[in-house]
């Protein structure tokens, strides 16, 4: 085992001076872009939506940059390298989820709201309680998503610098968090969108190069890559090529897979930072076009992850990956080092960091918009706050979000980040999606149903996660040594998602509230976009 640790240490270090130089160049260049394009970010519209000035193609690139997170690159590559076919199921779930967003949400959501998810939900429901409930849900989803990105950032930069140990990784997470918050406070949505577009192009290009490089080592034969991964991992063997290595061990793991699948497929349409991207385009047609662009880009990327994952398993090996900082999350950078040495490691890690930075920036803007627009202005100030005040509060909220993300990332740094993102998807699908779909499509839906659905879905997801093996009772738990895991599944989606829909229905039919005229008005608006430019304040 000591030789494996030494090998992992050699692979992770490469040339720290070169790695950090490339890393710093990426940070400086992207920061310069943010400062350049973000001049004049003073209004709420500019801060939250970039003034709705992006085309469908630009927004599709930005969505891909926002969605192809550390989980998509680092987490999935590691999951495939160690778990084979079961790891690739994450790619399938993340991609299929976009069909739900395209067919049910994108255009209608763009037509109905203006800045945030609460703008849609409060259009026909009571303003104050719905904004409070929506803000609670948005902050919870953003927190879990931020956990994944910060965990990835810690392991990635630790790999770049060749540092190890818990304290060193915690310090790295803190520094990375500070840099990311600076991007958001300076650039707003416009700066973030440009970083996301540039990062999407770089990430897809880098992964494509690595894919062909890996295939080239095996005569452009994917079967050869997969067989080499099997040979390198005698413990798993042929099970790497078939379902069940992780989710087929017992009845519990099989049920857990169903729960995970529900969360992945239904979660995207409820993710607030993805939904907010629909407001950065001028029309609903451009919103649909942006999703179409995103599906092609994201789908192509996820096909490449199959080669990257099995390539890491074949050329790096599961033992080296498991002993590197960040464990499974280090598979892709270690593969880059194996292929092209320190130069490729530095470039790929720099792009991966840009990936994390872009996603965290989008999440932070969404969380700060919810605090400033929904809570501060609409709830506490009853809509009387000036735009300058609202933007100022949003920047303070971004700072607070960054602090929480740093602390959470320190707790979750050893978890697989694709798995952590799946928890965010479960919370989004449980709390947000039922309320969104009911609000858009069911005329009988009312405020009680929305509150029961949102709070019930959110609370059940959070409670089940808290008492699951993710937090305690397992070797990779967030709180090692503790054991209060009474819920056997690692993902709560199988219970919390149906519960969210059921509570929304029960709450609505037990309340007499029903505004037929307001529903008709919302239906016209969602289908035509009439009045979308107006400030929502009723």
Protein backbone atom coordinates (compact mmCIF):
# COMPACT_ATOMS: atom_id res chain seq x y z
CA UNK A 1 0.00 0.00 0.00
CA UNK A 2 2.86 2.40 0.74
CA UNK A 3 4.10 2.05 -2.85
CA UNK A 4 0.64 2.95 -4.12
CA UNK A 5 0.56 6.05 -1.96
CA UNK A 6 3.99 7.04 -3.25
CA UNK A 7 2.86 6.55 -6.84
CA UNK A 8 -0.21 8.67 -6.21
CA UNK A 9 1.96 11.36 -4.67
CA UNK A 10 4.27 11.38 -7.70
CA UNK A 11 1.32 11.57 -10.11
CA UNK A 12 -0.45 14.29 -8.24
CA UNK A 13 2.58 16.53 -7.95
CA UNK A 14 4.03 16.66 -11.45
CA UNK A 15 5.53 20.14 -11.54
CA UNK A 16 3.70 22.25 -8.93
CA UNK A 17 5.35 25.45 -10.19
CA UNK A 18 4.12 24.84 -13.73
CA UNK A 19 0.70 23.71 -12.52
CA UNK A 20 0.12 26.78 -10.39
CA UNK A 21 1.42 29.10 -13.15
CA UNK A 22 -1.13 27.78 -15.64
CA UNK A 23 -3.78 27.90 -12.92
CA UNK A 24 -3.01 31.56 -12.10
CA UNK A 25 -3.06 32.50 -15.81
CA UNK A 26 -6.58 31.09 -16.12
CA UNK A 27 -7.73 33.02 -13.05
CA UNK A 28 -6.18 36.31 -14.21
CA UNK A 29 -7.52 36.04 -17.77
CA UNK A 30 -11.05 35.15 -16.69
CA UNK A 31 -11.04 37.86 -14.03
CA UNK A 32 -9.98 40.39 -16.67
CA UNK A 33 -12.88 39.27 -18.87
CA UNK A 34 -15.32 39.64 -15.97
CA UNK A 35 -14.09 43.17 -15.21
CA UNK A 36 -14.23 44.12 -18.89
CA UNK A 37 -17.77 42.96 -19.64
CA UNK A 38 -19.28 43.76 -16.24
CA UNK A 39 -18.73 47.51 -16.26
CA UNK A 40 -21.97 49.24 -15.44
CA UNK A 41 -23.57 46.37 -13.51
CA UNK A 42 -25.71 48.59 -11.32
CA UNK A 43 -29.33 47.57 -11.85
CA UNK A 44 -31.09 44.43 -10.62
CA UNK A 45 -31.69 43.32 -14.22
CA UNK A 46 -27.99 43.63 -15.07
CA UNK A 47 -26.96 41.87 -11.86
CA UNK A 48 -29.39 38.93 -12.10
CA UNK A 49 -30.00 38.42 -15.85
CA UNK A 50 -27.31 40.39 -17.70
CA UNK A 51 -30.05 42.65 -19.06
CA UNK A 52 -31.58 39.71 -21.03
CA UNK A 53 -29.10 40.58 -23.77
CA UNK A 54 -27.85 37.14 -24.82
CA UNK A 55 -28.90 35.14 -27.88
CA UNK A 56 -30.16 31.56 -27.73
CA UNK A 57 -26.84 30.22 -28.99
CA UNK A 58 -24.85 32.26 -26.46
CA UNK A 59 -27.15 31.22 -23.64
CA UNK A 60 -26.98 27.58 -24.78
CA UNK A 61 -23.21 27.74 -24.46
CA UNK A 62 -23.57 29.38 -21.06
CA UNK A 63 -26.08 26.74 -19.92
CA UNK A 64 -23.63 24.05 -20.99
CA UNK A 65 -20.92 25.90 -19.07
CA UNK A 66 -23.21 26.14 -16.05
CA UNK A 67 -24.43 22.54 -16.22
CA UNK A 68 -21.15 20.82 -17.09
CA UNK A 69 -19.93 21.25 -13.57
CA UNK A 70 -17.20 19.62 -11.56
CA UNK A 71 -19.62 16.71 -11.14
CA UNK A 72 -19.89 16.26 -14.91
CA UNK A 73 -16.14 16.29 -15.51
CA UNK A 74 -14.35 15.22 -12.33
CA UNK A 75 -17.09 13.28 -10.56
CA UNK A 76 -18.42 11.25 -13.49
CA UNK A 77 -14.94 10.45 -14.80
CA UNK A 78 -14.02 9.12 -11.36
CA UNK A 79 -17.28 7.21 -11.02
CA UNK A 80 -16.75 5.47 -14.38
CA UNK A 81 -13.09 4.73 -13.59
CA UNK A 82 -13.99 3.01 -10.31
CA UNK A 83 -17.53 1.73 -10.93
CA UNK A 84 -17.66 1.31 -14.70
CA UNK A 85 -21.15 1.10 -16.18
CA UNK A 86 -22.84 2.24 -12.97
CA UNK A 87 -20.77 5.43 -13.07
CA UNK A 88 -21.88 6.16 -16.66
CA UNK A 89 -25.51 6.08 -15.49
CA UNK A 90 -24.90 9.55 -14.03
CA UNK A 91 -24.18 10.84 -17.55
CA UNK A 92 -27.37 9.29 -18.91
CA UNK A 93 -29.51 10.73 -16.12
CA UNK A 94 -28.03 14.22 -16.36
CA UNK A 95 -28.66 14.31 -20.13
CA UNK A 96 -32.19 12.87 -20.18
CA UNK A 97 -33.18 15.45 -17.59
CA UNK A 98 -32.91 18.18 -20.22
CA UNK A 99 -35.85 16.77 -22.14
CA UNK A 100 -38.06 17.52 -19.13
CA UNK A 101 -36.72 21.08 -18.99
CA UNK A 102 -37.17 21.60 -22.74
CA UNK A 103 -40.65 20.15 -23.12
CA UNK A 104 -42.31 21.32 -19.91
CA UNK A 105 -40.53 24.33 -18.46
CA UNK A 106 -38.21 26.48 -20.62
CA UNK A 107 -40.60 28.66 -22.67
CA UNK A 108 -43.40 28.86 -20.11
CA UNK A 109 -41.00 29.75 -17.32
CA UNK A 110 -39.33 32.48 -19.41
CA UNK A 111 -42.69 34.03 -20.28
CA UNK A 112 -44.05 34.10 -16.75
CA UNK A 113 -41.21 35.41 -14.58
CA UNK A 114 -38.63 38.16 -14.60
CA UNK A 115 -35.72 37.53 -12.22
CA UNK A 116 -36.24 34.52 -9.95
CA UNK A 117 -38.20 31.30 -9.47
CA UNK A 118 -40.44 33.12 -6.97
CA UNK A 119 -41.58 35.51 -9.70
CA UNK A 120 -43.25 32.57 -11.44
CA UNK A 121 -44.72 30.97 -8.33
CA UNK A 122 -46.13 34.21 -6.91
CA UNK A 123 -47.84 35.26 -10.13
CA UNK A 124 -51.09 33.53 -9.17
CA UNK A 125 -50.37 32.72 -5.50
CA UNK A 126 -49.96 34.80 -2.36
CA UNK A 127 -46.83 36.91 -2.52
CA UNK A 128 -45.25 36.92 0.94
CA UNK A 129 -45.50 33.26 2.05
CA UNK A 130 -44.50 31.99 -1.39
CA UNK A 131 -41.39 34.18 -1.62
CA UNK A 132 -40.25 33.02 1.81
CA UNK A 133 -40.84 29.36 0.92
CA UNK A 134 -39.15 29.69 -2.47
CA UNK A 135 -36.13 31.45 -1.00
CA UNK A 136 -35.75 28.63 1.55
CA UNK A 137 -35.81 26.03 -1.20
CA UNK A 138 -33.44 27.95 -3.50
CA UNK A 139 -30.89 28.38 -0.72
CA UNK A 140 -31.07 24.68 0.22
CA UNK A 141 -30.57 23.48 -3.37
CA UNK A 142 -27.77 25.99 -3.93
CA UNK A 143 -26.04 24.84 -0.73
CA UNK A 144 -25.92 21.18 -1.80
CA UNK A 145 -24.73 22.11 -5.28
CA UNK A 146 -22.08 24.39 -3.82
CA UNK A 147 -20.89 21.56 -1.56
CA UNK A 148 -20.03 19.52 -4.63
CA UNK A 149 -18.19 22.32 -6.42
CA UNK A 150 -16.15 23.34 -3.38
CA UNK A 151 -15.23 19.72 -2.67
CA UNK A 152 -14.04 19.42 -6.26
CA UNK A 153 -12.08 22.67 -6.00
CA UNK A 154 -10.28 21.50 -2.87
CA UNK A 155 -9.19 18.19 -4.33
CA UNK A 156 -8.25 19.74 -7.68
CA UNK A 157 -6.05 22.53 -6.37
CA UNK A 158 -4.50 20.17 -3.81
CA UNK A 159 -3.57 17.94 -6.75
CA UNK A 160 -2.07 20.93 -8.58
CA UNK A 161 0.01 22.06 -5.62
CA UNK A 162 0.99 18.58 -4.48
CA UNK A 163 -0.34 19.18 -0.96
CA UNK A 164 -2.04 16.58 1.18
CA UNK A 165 -3.72 16.38 4.53
CA UNK A 166 -7.03 17.71 5.77
CA UNK A 167 -5.77 21.11 6.91
CA UNK A 168 -4.04 21.80 3.59
CA UNK A 169 -7.16 20.96 1.60
CA UNK A 170 -9.31 23.08 3.91
CA UNK A 171 -7.00 26.04 3.32
CA UNK A 172 -7.23 25.49 -0.44
CA UNK A 173 -11.04 25.40 -0.28
CA UNK A 174 -11.06 28.68 1.66
CA UNK A 175 -8.79 30.44 -0.84
CA UNK A 176 -10.77 29.13 -3.81
CA UNK A 177 -14.02 30.26 -2.21
CA UNK A 178 -12.72 33.79 -1.71
CA UNK A 179 -11.64 34.01 -5.37
CA UNK A 180 -15.02 32.76 -6.59
CA UNK A 181 -17.00 35.24 -4.49
CA UNK A 182 -14.86 38.04 -5.92
CA UNK A 183 -15.92 37.02 -9.45
CA UNK A 184 -19.59 37.24 -8.56
CA UNK A 185 -19.41 40.52 -6.68
CA UNK A 186 -17.52 42.14 -9.54
CA UNK A 187 -19.17 40.61 -12.59
CA UNK A 188 -22.81 39.84 -11.87
CA UNK A 189 -24.68 37.68 -14.38
CA UNK A 190 -23.14 39.29 -17.46
CA UNK A 191 -19.57 38.58 -16.40
CA UNK A 192 -20.52 35.12 -15.19
CA UNK A 193 -22.24 34.29 -18.50
CA UNK A 194 -19.16 35.16 -20.53
CA UNK A 195 -16.96 33.05 -18.26
CA UNK A 196 -19.44 30.18 -18.65
CA UNK A 197 -19.42 30.44 -22.46
CA UNK A 198 -15.62 30.52 -22.68
CA UNK A 199 -15.28 27.74 -20.15
CA UNK A 200 -17.77 25.50 -22.03
CA UNK A 201 -15.75 25.78 -25.23
CA UNK A 202 -12.46 25.09 -23.42
CA UNK A 203 -13.85 22.15 -21.44
CA UNK A 204 -15.44 20.39 -24.41
CA UNK A 205 -12.30 20.99 -26.52
CA UNK A 206 -9.97 19.66 -23.78
CA UNK A 207 -12.10 16.57 -23.15
CA UNK A 208 -12.28 15.88 -26.90
CA UNK A 209 -8.47 16.02 -27.15
CA UNK A 210 -8.06 13.70 -24.16
CA UNK A 211 -10.64 11.32 -25.65
CA UNK A 212 -8.82 10.97 -28.96
CA UNK A 213 -5.49 10.73 -27.14
CA UNK A 214 -6.77 7.83 -25.03
CA UNK A 215 -8.30 6.09 -28.05
CA UNK A 216 -5.05 6.60 -29.97
CA UNK A 217 -3.16 4.60 -27.34
CA UNK A 218 -5.47 1.66 -28.02
CA UNK A 219 -5.65 1.85 -31.83
CA UNK A 220 -8.83 3.98 -31.80
CA UNK A 221 -10.63 1.00 -30.26
CA UNK A 222 -13.04 1.73 -27.41
CA UNK A 223 -13.31 -1.98 -26.63
CA UNK A 224 -9.55 -2.03 -26.10
CA UNK A 225 -9.80 0.85 -23.63
CA UNK A 226 -12.55 -0.89 -21.68
CA UNK A 227 -10.71 -4.23 -21.64
CA UNK A 228 -7.56 -2.51 -20.36
CA UNK A 229 -9.62 -0.95 -17.56
CA UNK A 230 -10.91 -4.41 -16.66
CA UNK A 231 -7.37 -5.82 -16.65
CA UNK A 232 -6.14 -2.95 -14.44
CA UNK A 233 -8.88 -3.60 -11.89
CA UNK A 234 -8.88 -7.34 -11.11
CA UNK A 235 -11.04 -6.81 -8.02
CA UNK A 236 -13.96 -5.57 -10.12
CA UNK A 237 -13.04 -7.38 -13.34
CA UNK A 238 -15.75 -7.82 -15.95
CA UNK A 239 -18.29 -6.22 -13.62
CA UNK A 240 -16.95 -2.85 -14.81
CA UNK A 241 -18.71 -3.50 -18.12
CA UNK A 242 -22.14 -4.41 -16.82
CA UNK A 243 -24.78 -2.94 -14.48
CA UNK A 244 -24.63 -3.68 -10.80
CA UNK A 245 -21.07 -3.07 -9.59
CA UNK A 246 -22.28 -0.35 -7.21
CA UNK A 247 -26.08 -0.49 -7.41
CA UNK A 248 -26.62 -4.23 -7.76
CA UNK A 249 -25.09 -5.56 -4.58
CA UNK A 250 -28.34 -5.83 -2.64
CA UNK A 251 -32.02 -4.95 -2.75
CA UNK A 252 -31.22 -1.69 -0.92
CA UNK A 253 -28.66 -0.59 -3.52
CA UNK A 254 -31.07 -1.45 -6.36
CA UNK A 255 -33.79 0.68 -4.77
CA UNK A 256 -31.19 3.38 -4.20
CA UNK A 257 -30.48 3.38 -7.93
CA UNK A 258 -34.17 3.95 -8.71
CA UNK A 259 -34.15 6.82 -6.22
CA UNK A 260 -31.03 8.29 -7.82
CA UNK A 261 -32.53 7.99 -11.31
CA UNK A 262 -35.67 9.87 -10.30
CA UNK A 263 -33.58 12.65 -8.81
CA UNK A 264 -31.32 12.98 -11.86
CA UNK A 265 -34.08 12.95 -14.47
CA UNK A 266 -36.50 15.27 -12.64
CA UNK A 267 -34.02 17.51 -10.84
CA UNK A 268 -32.75 19.72 -13.69
CA UNK A 269 -36.15 21.33 -14.31
CA UNK A 270 -36.18 22.44 -10.66
CA UNK A 271 -32.62 23.76 -10.36
CA UNK A 272 -32.90 27.51 -9.66
CA UNK A 273 -29.54 28.46 -11.21
CA UNK A 274 -30.50 26.68 -14.45
CA UNK A 275 -33.99 28.19 -14.47
CA UNK A 276 -32.59 31.69 -13.96
CA UNK A 277 -30.59 31.32 -17.16
CA UNK A 278 -33.85 31.42 -19.14
CA UNK A 279 -34.20 35.08 -18.12
CA UNK A 280 -30.93 36.08 -19.80
CA UNK A 281 -32.49 35.84 -23.29
CA UNK A 282 -35.01 38.36 -24.70
CA UNK A 283 -37.77 35.95 -25.80
CA UNK A 284 -39.24 32.54 -25.02
CA UNK A 285 -38.24 31.33 -28.50
CA UNK A 286 -34.62 32.13 -27.65
CA UNK A 287 -35.08 30.26 -24.35
CA UNK A 288 -36.13 27.13 -26.26
CA UNK A 289 -33.28 27.61 -28.74
CA UNK A 290 -30.80 27.90 -25.88
CA UNK A 291 -31.98 24.57 -24.44
CA UNK A 292 -31.64 22.92 -27.85
CA UNK A 293 -28.05 24.16 -28.12
CA UNK A 294 -27.38 23.00 -24.56
CA UNK A 295 -28.71 19.48 -25.24
CA UNK A 296 -26.38 18.96 -28.22
CA UNK A 297 -23.34 20.29 -26.39
CA UNK A 298 -24.06 18.45 -23.15
CA UNK A 299 -24.95 15.21 -24.95
CA UNK A 300 -21.71 15.23 -26.92
CA UNK A 301 -19.72 15.91 -23.77
CA UNK A 302 -21.27 13.04 -21.82
CA UNK A 303 -20.44 10.58 -24.60
CA UNK A 304 -16.80 11.62 -24.24
CA UNK A 305 -16.85 10.99 -20.48
CA UNK A 306 -17.24 7.28 -21.21
CA UNK A 307 -13.79 7.22 -22.82
CA UNK A 308 -12.26 9.52 -20.19
CA UNK A 309 -13.55 7.37 -17.31
CA UNK A 310 -12.51 4.01 -18.70
CA UNK A 311 -9.27 5.60 -19.92
CA UNK A 312 -8.44 6.72 -16.38
CA UNK A 313 -9.20 3.23 -15.13
CA UNK A 314 -6.95 1.69 -17.79
CA UNK A 315 -3.98 4.08 -17.74
CA UNK A 316 -3.96 5.35 -14.15
CA UNK A 317 -5.60 2.51 -12.25
CA UNK A 318 -8.12 2.42 -9.40
CA UNK A 319 -5.52 2.15 -6.62
CA UNK A 320 -3.67 5.33 -7.62
CA UNK A 321 -6.97 7.21 -8.03
CA UNK A 322 -8.23 6.07 -4.62
CA UNK A 323 -5.04 7.31 -2.90
CA UNK A 324 -4.88 10.75 -4.54
CA UNK A 325 -6.29 13.95 -2.95
CA UNK A 326 -9.97 14.10 -3.81
CA UNK A 327 -9.98 10.34 -4.47
CA UNK A 328 -12.38 9.58 -7.37
CA UNK A 329 -12.54 13.28 -8.26
CA UNK A 330 -8.83 13.15 -9.21
CA UNK A 331 -9.28 10.58 -12.02
CA UNK A 332 -9.46 13.03 -14.93
CA UNK A 333 -6.48 15.20 -13.83
CA UNK A 334 -4.41 12.08 -13.18
CA UNK A 335 -5.29 10.81 -16.65
CA UNK A 336 -4.16 14.15 -18.08
CA UNK A 337 -0.82 13.77 -16.26
CA UNK A 338 -0.44 10.23 -17.59
CA UNK A 339 -1.13 11.37 -21.16
CA UNK A 340 0.78 14.65 -21.39
CA UNK A 341 2.71 15.19 -18.19
CA UNK A 342 2.65 18.38 -16.16
CA UNK A 343 1.68 20.60 -19.07
CA UNK A 344 -1.54 18.74 -19.82
CA UNK A 345 -2.25 18.29 -16.11
CA UNK A 346 -1.93 22.04 -15.59
CA UNK A 347 -4.11 22.90 -18.59
CA UNK A 348 -6.84 20.38 -17.79
CA UNK A 349 -6.83 21.33 -14.11
CA UNK A 350 -7.00 25.01 -15.02
CA UNK A 351 -10.02 24.32 -17.25
CA UNK A 352 -11.59 22.19 -14.51
CA UNK A 353 -11.10 25.06 -12.08
CA UNK A 354 -12.70 27.45 -14.57
CA UNK A 355 -15.58 24.94 -14.68
CA UNK A 356 -15.99 25.05 -10.91
CA UNK A 357 -15.65 28.83 -10.88
CA UNK A 358 -18.34 29.34 -13.53
CA UNK A 359 -20.82 27.00 -11.84
CA UNK A 360 -20.27 28.45 -8.38
CA UNK A 361 -20.66 31.95 -9.78
CA UNK A 362 -24.04 31.02 -11.26
CA UNK A 363 -25.16 29.37 -8.03
CA UNK A 364 -24.03 32.32 -5.94
CA UNK A 365 -25.88 34.81 -8.14
CA UNK A 366 -29.05 32.73 -7.87
CA UNK A 367 -28.78 32.49 -4.08
CA UNK A 368 -28.01 36.20 -3.69
CA UNK A 369 -30.87 37.15 -6.06
CA UNK A 370 -33.27 35.10 -3.95
CA UNK A 371 -32.12 36.83 -0.76
CA UNK A 372 -32.05 40.37 -2.20
CA UNK A 373 -35.01 40.30 -4.61
CA UNK A 374 -37.40 37.88 -2.92
CA UNK A 375 -36.66 38.34 0.78
CA UNK A 376 -35.16 41.80 1.20
CA UNK A 377 -37.13 43.77 -1.39
CA UNK A 378 -40.43 41.92 -1.77
CA UNK A 379 -40.89 40.56 1.79
CA UNK A 380 -39.08 42.92 4.16
CA UNK A 381 -39.40 46.14 2.12
CA UNK A 382 -42.72 45.30 0.43
CA UNK A 383 -41.23 46.12 -2.97
CA UNK A 384 -40.09 49.63 -2.01
CA UNK A 385 -36.31 49.10 -2.06
CA UNK A 386 -34.36 50.92 -4.76
CA UNK A 387 -32.38 48.95 -7.33
CA UNK A 388 -29.13 50.24 -5.82
CA UNK A 389 -30.17 48.93 -2.39
CA UNK A 390 -31.19 45.58 -3.84
CA UNK A 391 -27.91 45.14 -5.73
CA UNK A 392 -25.96 46.10 -2.60
CA UNK A 393 -27.81 43.48 -0.54
CA UNK A 394 -27.25 40.88 -3.26
CA UNK A 395 -23.50 41.45 -3.03
CA UNK A 396 -23.58 40.99 0.75
CA UNK A 397 -25.64 37.83 0.21
CA UNK A 398 -23.03 36.57 -2.26
CA UNK A 399 -20.39 37.02 0.43
CA UNK A 400 -22.47 35.11 2.98
CA UNK A 401 -23.14 32.34 0.46
CA UNK A 402 -19.41 32.03 -0.15
CA UNK A 403 -18.68 31.61 3.57
CA UNK A 404 -21.30 28.87 3.93
CA UNK A 405 -19.97 27.13 0.80
CA UNK A 406 -16.42 27.16 2.16
CA UNK A 407 -17.46 25.59 5.47
CA UNK A 408 -19.63 22.98 3.74
CA UNK A 409 -16.90 22.14 1.23
CA UNK A 410 -14.51 21.39 4.08
CA UNK A 411 -16.97 18.80 5.44
CA UNK A 412 -17.67 17.18 2.05
CA UNK A 413 -14.21 17.19 0.48
CA UNK A 414 -13.86 13.39 0.37
CA UNK A 415 -17.30 12.70 -1.18
CA UNK A 416 -17.71 11.96 -4.91
CA UNK A 417 -18.98 15.23 -6.32
CA UNK A 418 -21.28 13.62 -8.89
CA UNK A 419 -23.00 11.96 -5.94
CA UNK A 420 -23.24 15.26 -4.02
CA UNK A 421 -24.82 16.97 -7.02
CA UNK A 422 -27.36 14.15 -7.16
CA UNK A 423 -28.47 15.21 -3.66
CA UNK A 424 -29.02 18.76 -4.93
CA UNK A 425 -31.09 17.31 -7.79
CA UNK A 426 -33.18 15.34 -5.29
CA UNK A 427 -33.92 18.46 -3.21
CA UNK A 428 -34.79 20.46 -6.36
CA UNK A 429 -37.07 17.74 -7.71
CA UNK A 430 -38.79 17.33 -4.34
CA UNK A 431 -39.38 20.98 -3.43
CA UNK A 432 -39.37 22.98 -6.68
CA UNK A 433 -40.53 20.81 -9.55
CA UNK A 434 -44.00 19.85 -8.18
CA UNK A 435 -44.75 23.48 -7.39
CA UNK A 436 -43.54 24.68 -10.81
CA UNK A 437 -45.55 22.12 -12.79
CA UNK A 438 -48.71 22.53 -10.71
CA UNK A 439 -48.47 26.31 -10.98
CA UNK A 440 -48.06 26.23 -14.76
CA UNK A 441 -50.55 23.49 -15.63
CA UNK A 442 -53.18 22.96 -12.87
CA UNK A 443 -55.85 25.62 -12.52
CA UNK A 444 -57.01 24.33 -9.10
CA UNK A 445 -53.56 24.81 -7.56
CA UNK A 446 -53.39 27.37 -4.74
CA UNK A 447 -51.14 28.81 -2.06
CA UNK A 448 -51.73 26.09 0.55
CA UNK A 449 -50.87 23.40 -1.99
CA UNK A 450 -47.73 25.27 -3.01
CA UNK A 451 -46.56 25.72 0.59
CA UNK A 452 -47.28 22.12 1.54
CA UNK A 453 -45.53 20.88 -1.60
CA UNK A 454 -42.48 23.08 -1.24
CA UNK A 455 -41.95 22.81 2.51
CA UNK A 456 -42.94 19.13 2.60
CA UNK A 457 -40.70 18.14 -0.29
CA UNK A 458 -37.82 20.22 1.06
CA UNK A 459 -38.13 19.04 4.67
CA UNK A 460 -38.50 15.37 3.75
CA UNK A 461 -35.46 15.49 1.44
CA UNK A 462 -33.30 17.25 4.03
CA UNK A 463 -34.36 15.01 6.92
CA UNK A 464 -33.82 11.83 4.90
CA UNK A 465 -30.38 13.03 3.81
CA UNK A 466 -29.46 13.93 7.41
CA UNK A 467 -30.31 10.40 8.57
CA UNK A 468 -28.80 8.63 5.56
CA UNK A 469 -25.39 6.93 5.10
CA UNK A 470 -24.22 10.12 3.36
CA UNK A 471 -23.92 11.94 6.69
CA UNK A 472 -23.06 9.12 9.11
CA UNK A 473 -22.68 5.39 9.46
CA UNK A 474 -20.42 4.68 6.48
CA UNK A 475 -16.71 4.88 5.65
CA UNK A 476 -17.20 7.90 3.35
CA UNK A 477 -19.74 9.73 5.55
CA UNK A 478 -19.45 13.47 6.11
CA UNK A 479 -19.22 12.85 9.87
CA UNK A 480 -16.83 9.89 10.24
CA UNK A 481 -17.20 7.87 13.40
CA UNK A 482 -20.84 8.87 13.97
CA UNK A 483 -23.73 6.55 13.19
CA UNK A 484 -27.32 7.82 13.26
CA UNK A 485 -28.23 6.62 9.76
CA UNK A 486 -31.72 5.16 10.12
CA UNK A 487 -32.73 5.80 6.47
CA UNK A 488 -31.00 3.15 4.31
CA UNK A 489 -30.94 4.96 0.94
CA UNK A 490 -28.17 7.38 -0.03
CA UNK A 491 -30.56 9.44 -2.20
CA UNK A 492 -33.99 10.47 -0.85
CA UNK A 493 -35.68 11.03 -4.24
CA UNK A 494 -37.84 7.88 -4.24
CA UNK A 495 -39.64 9.10 -1.10
CA UNK A 496 -39.38 12.89 -1.17
CA UNK A 497 -40.28 13.54 -4.84
CA UNK A 498 -43.66 11.70 -4.84
CA UNK A 499 -44.34 13.20 -1.42
CA UNK A 500 -43.88 16.71 -2.83
CA UNK A 501 -46.46 16.04 -5.56
CA UNK A 502 -48.91 14.39 -3.15
CA UNK A 503 -48.70 17.21 -0.60
CA UNK A 504 -49.27 19.80 -3.34
CA UNK A 505 -52.42 17.99 -4.43
CA UNK A 506 -53.76 17.42 -0.91
CA UNK A 507 -53.05 21.01 0.15
CA UNK A 508 -54.84 22.41 -2.90
CA UNK A 509 -58.01 20.33 -2.66
CA UNK A 510 -58.39 21.07 1.08
CA UNK A 511 -58.25 24.85 0.51
CA UNK A 512 -61.07 26.97 -0.89
CA UNK A 513 -58.69 29.48 -2.47
CA UNK A 514 -59.17 29.59 -6.25
CA UNK A 515 -58.67 32.57 -8.56
CA UNK A 516 -59.90 31.53 -12.00
CA UNK A 517 -59.16 34.93 -13.56
CA UNK A 518 -55.58 34.98 -12.31
CA UNK A 519 -54.94 31.47 -13.64
CA UNK A 520 -56.34 32.44 -17.04
CA UNK A 521 -54.11 35.52 -17.04
CA UNK A 522 -51.05 33.43 -16.18
CA UNK A 523 -51.94 30.86 -18.85
CA UNK A 524 -52.08 33.56 -21.53
CA UNK A 525 -48.85 35.07 -20.33
CA UNK A 526 -46.99 31.74 -20.18
CA UNK A 527 -48.06 30.81 -23.71
CA UNK A 528 -47.62 34.20 -25.38
CA UNK A 529 -45.13 36.15 -23.27
CA UNK A 530 -47.52 39.11 -23.11
CA UNK A 531 -46.44 41.56 -20.40
CA UNK A 532 -43.18 39.77 -19.63
CA UNK A 533 -41.24 43.03 -19.48
CA UNK A 534 -43.42 44.40 -16.71
CA UNK A 535 -42.23 44.43 -13.13
CA UNK A 536 -43.98 41.65 -11.25
CA UNK A 537 -45.64 43.25 -8.24
CA UNK A 538 -49.17 42.36 -7.43
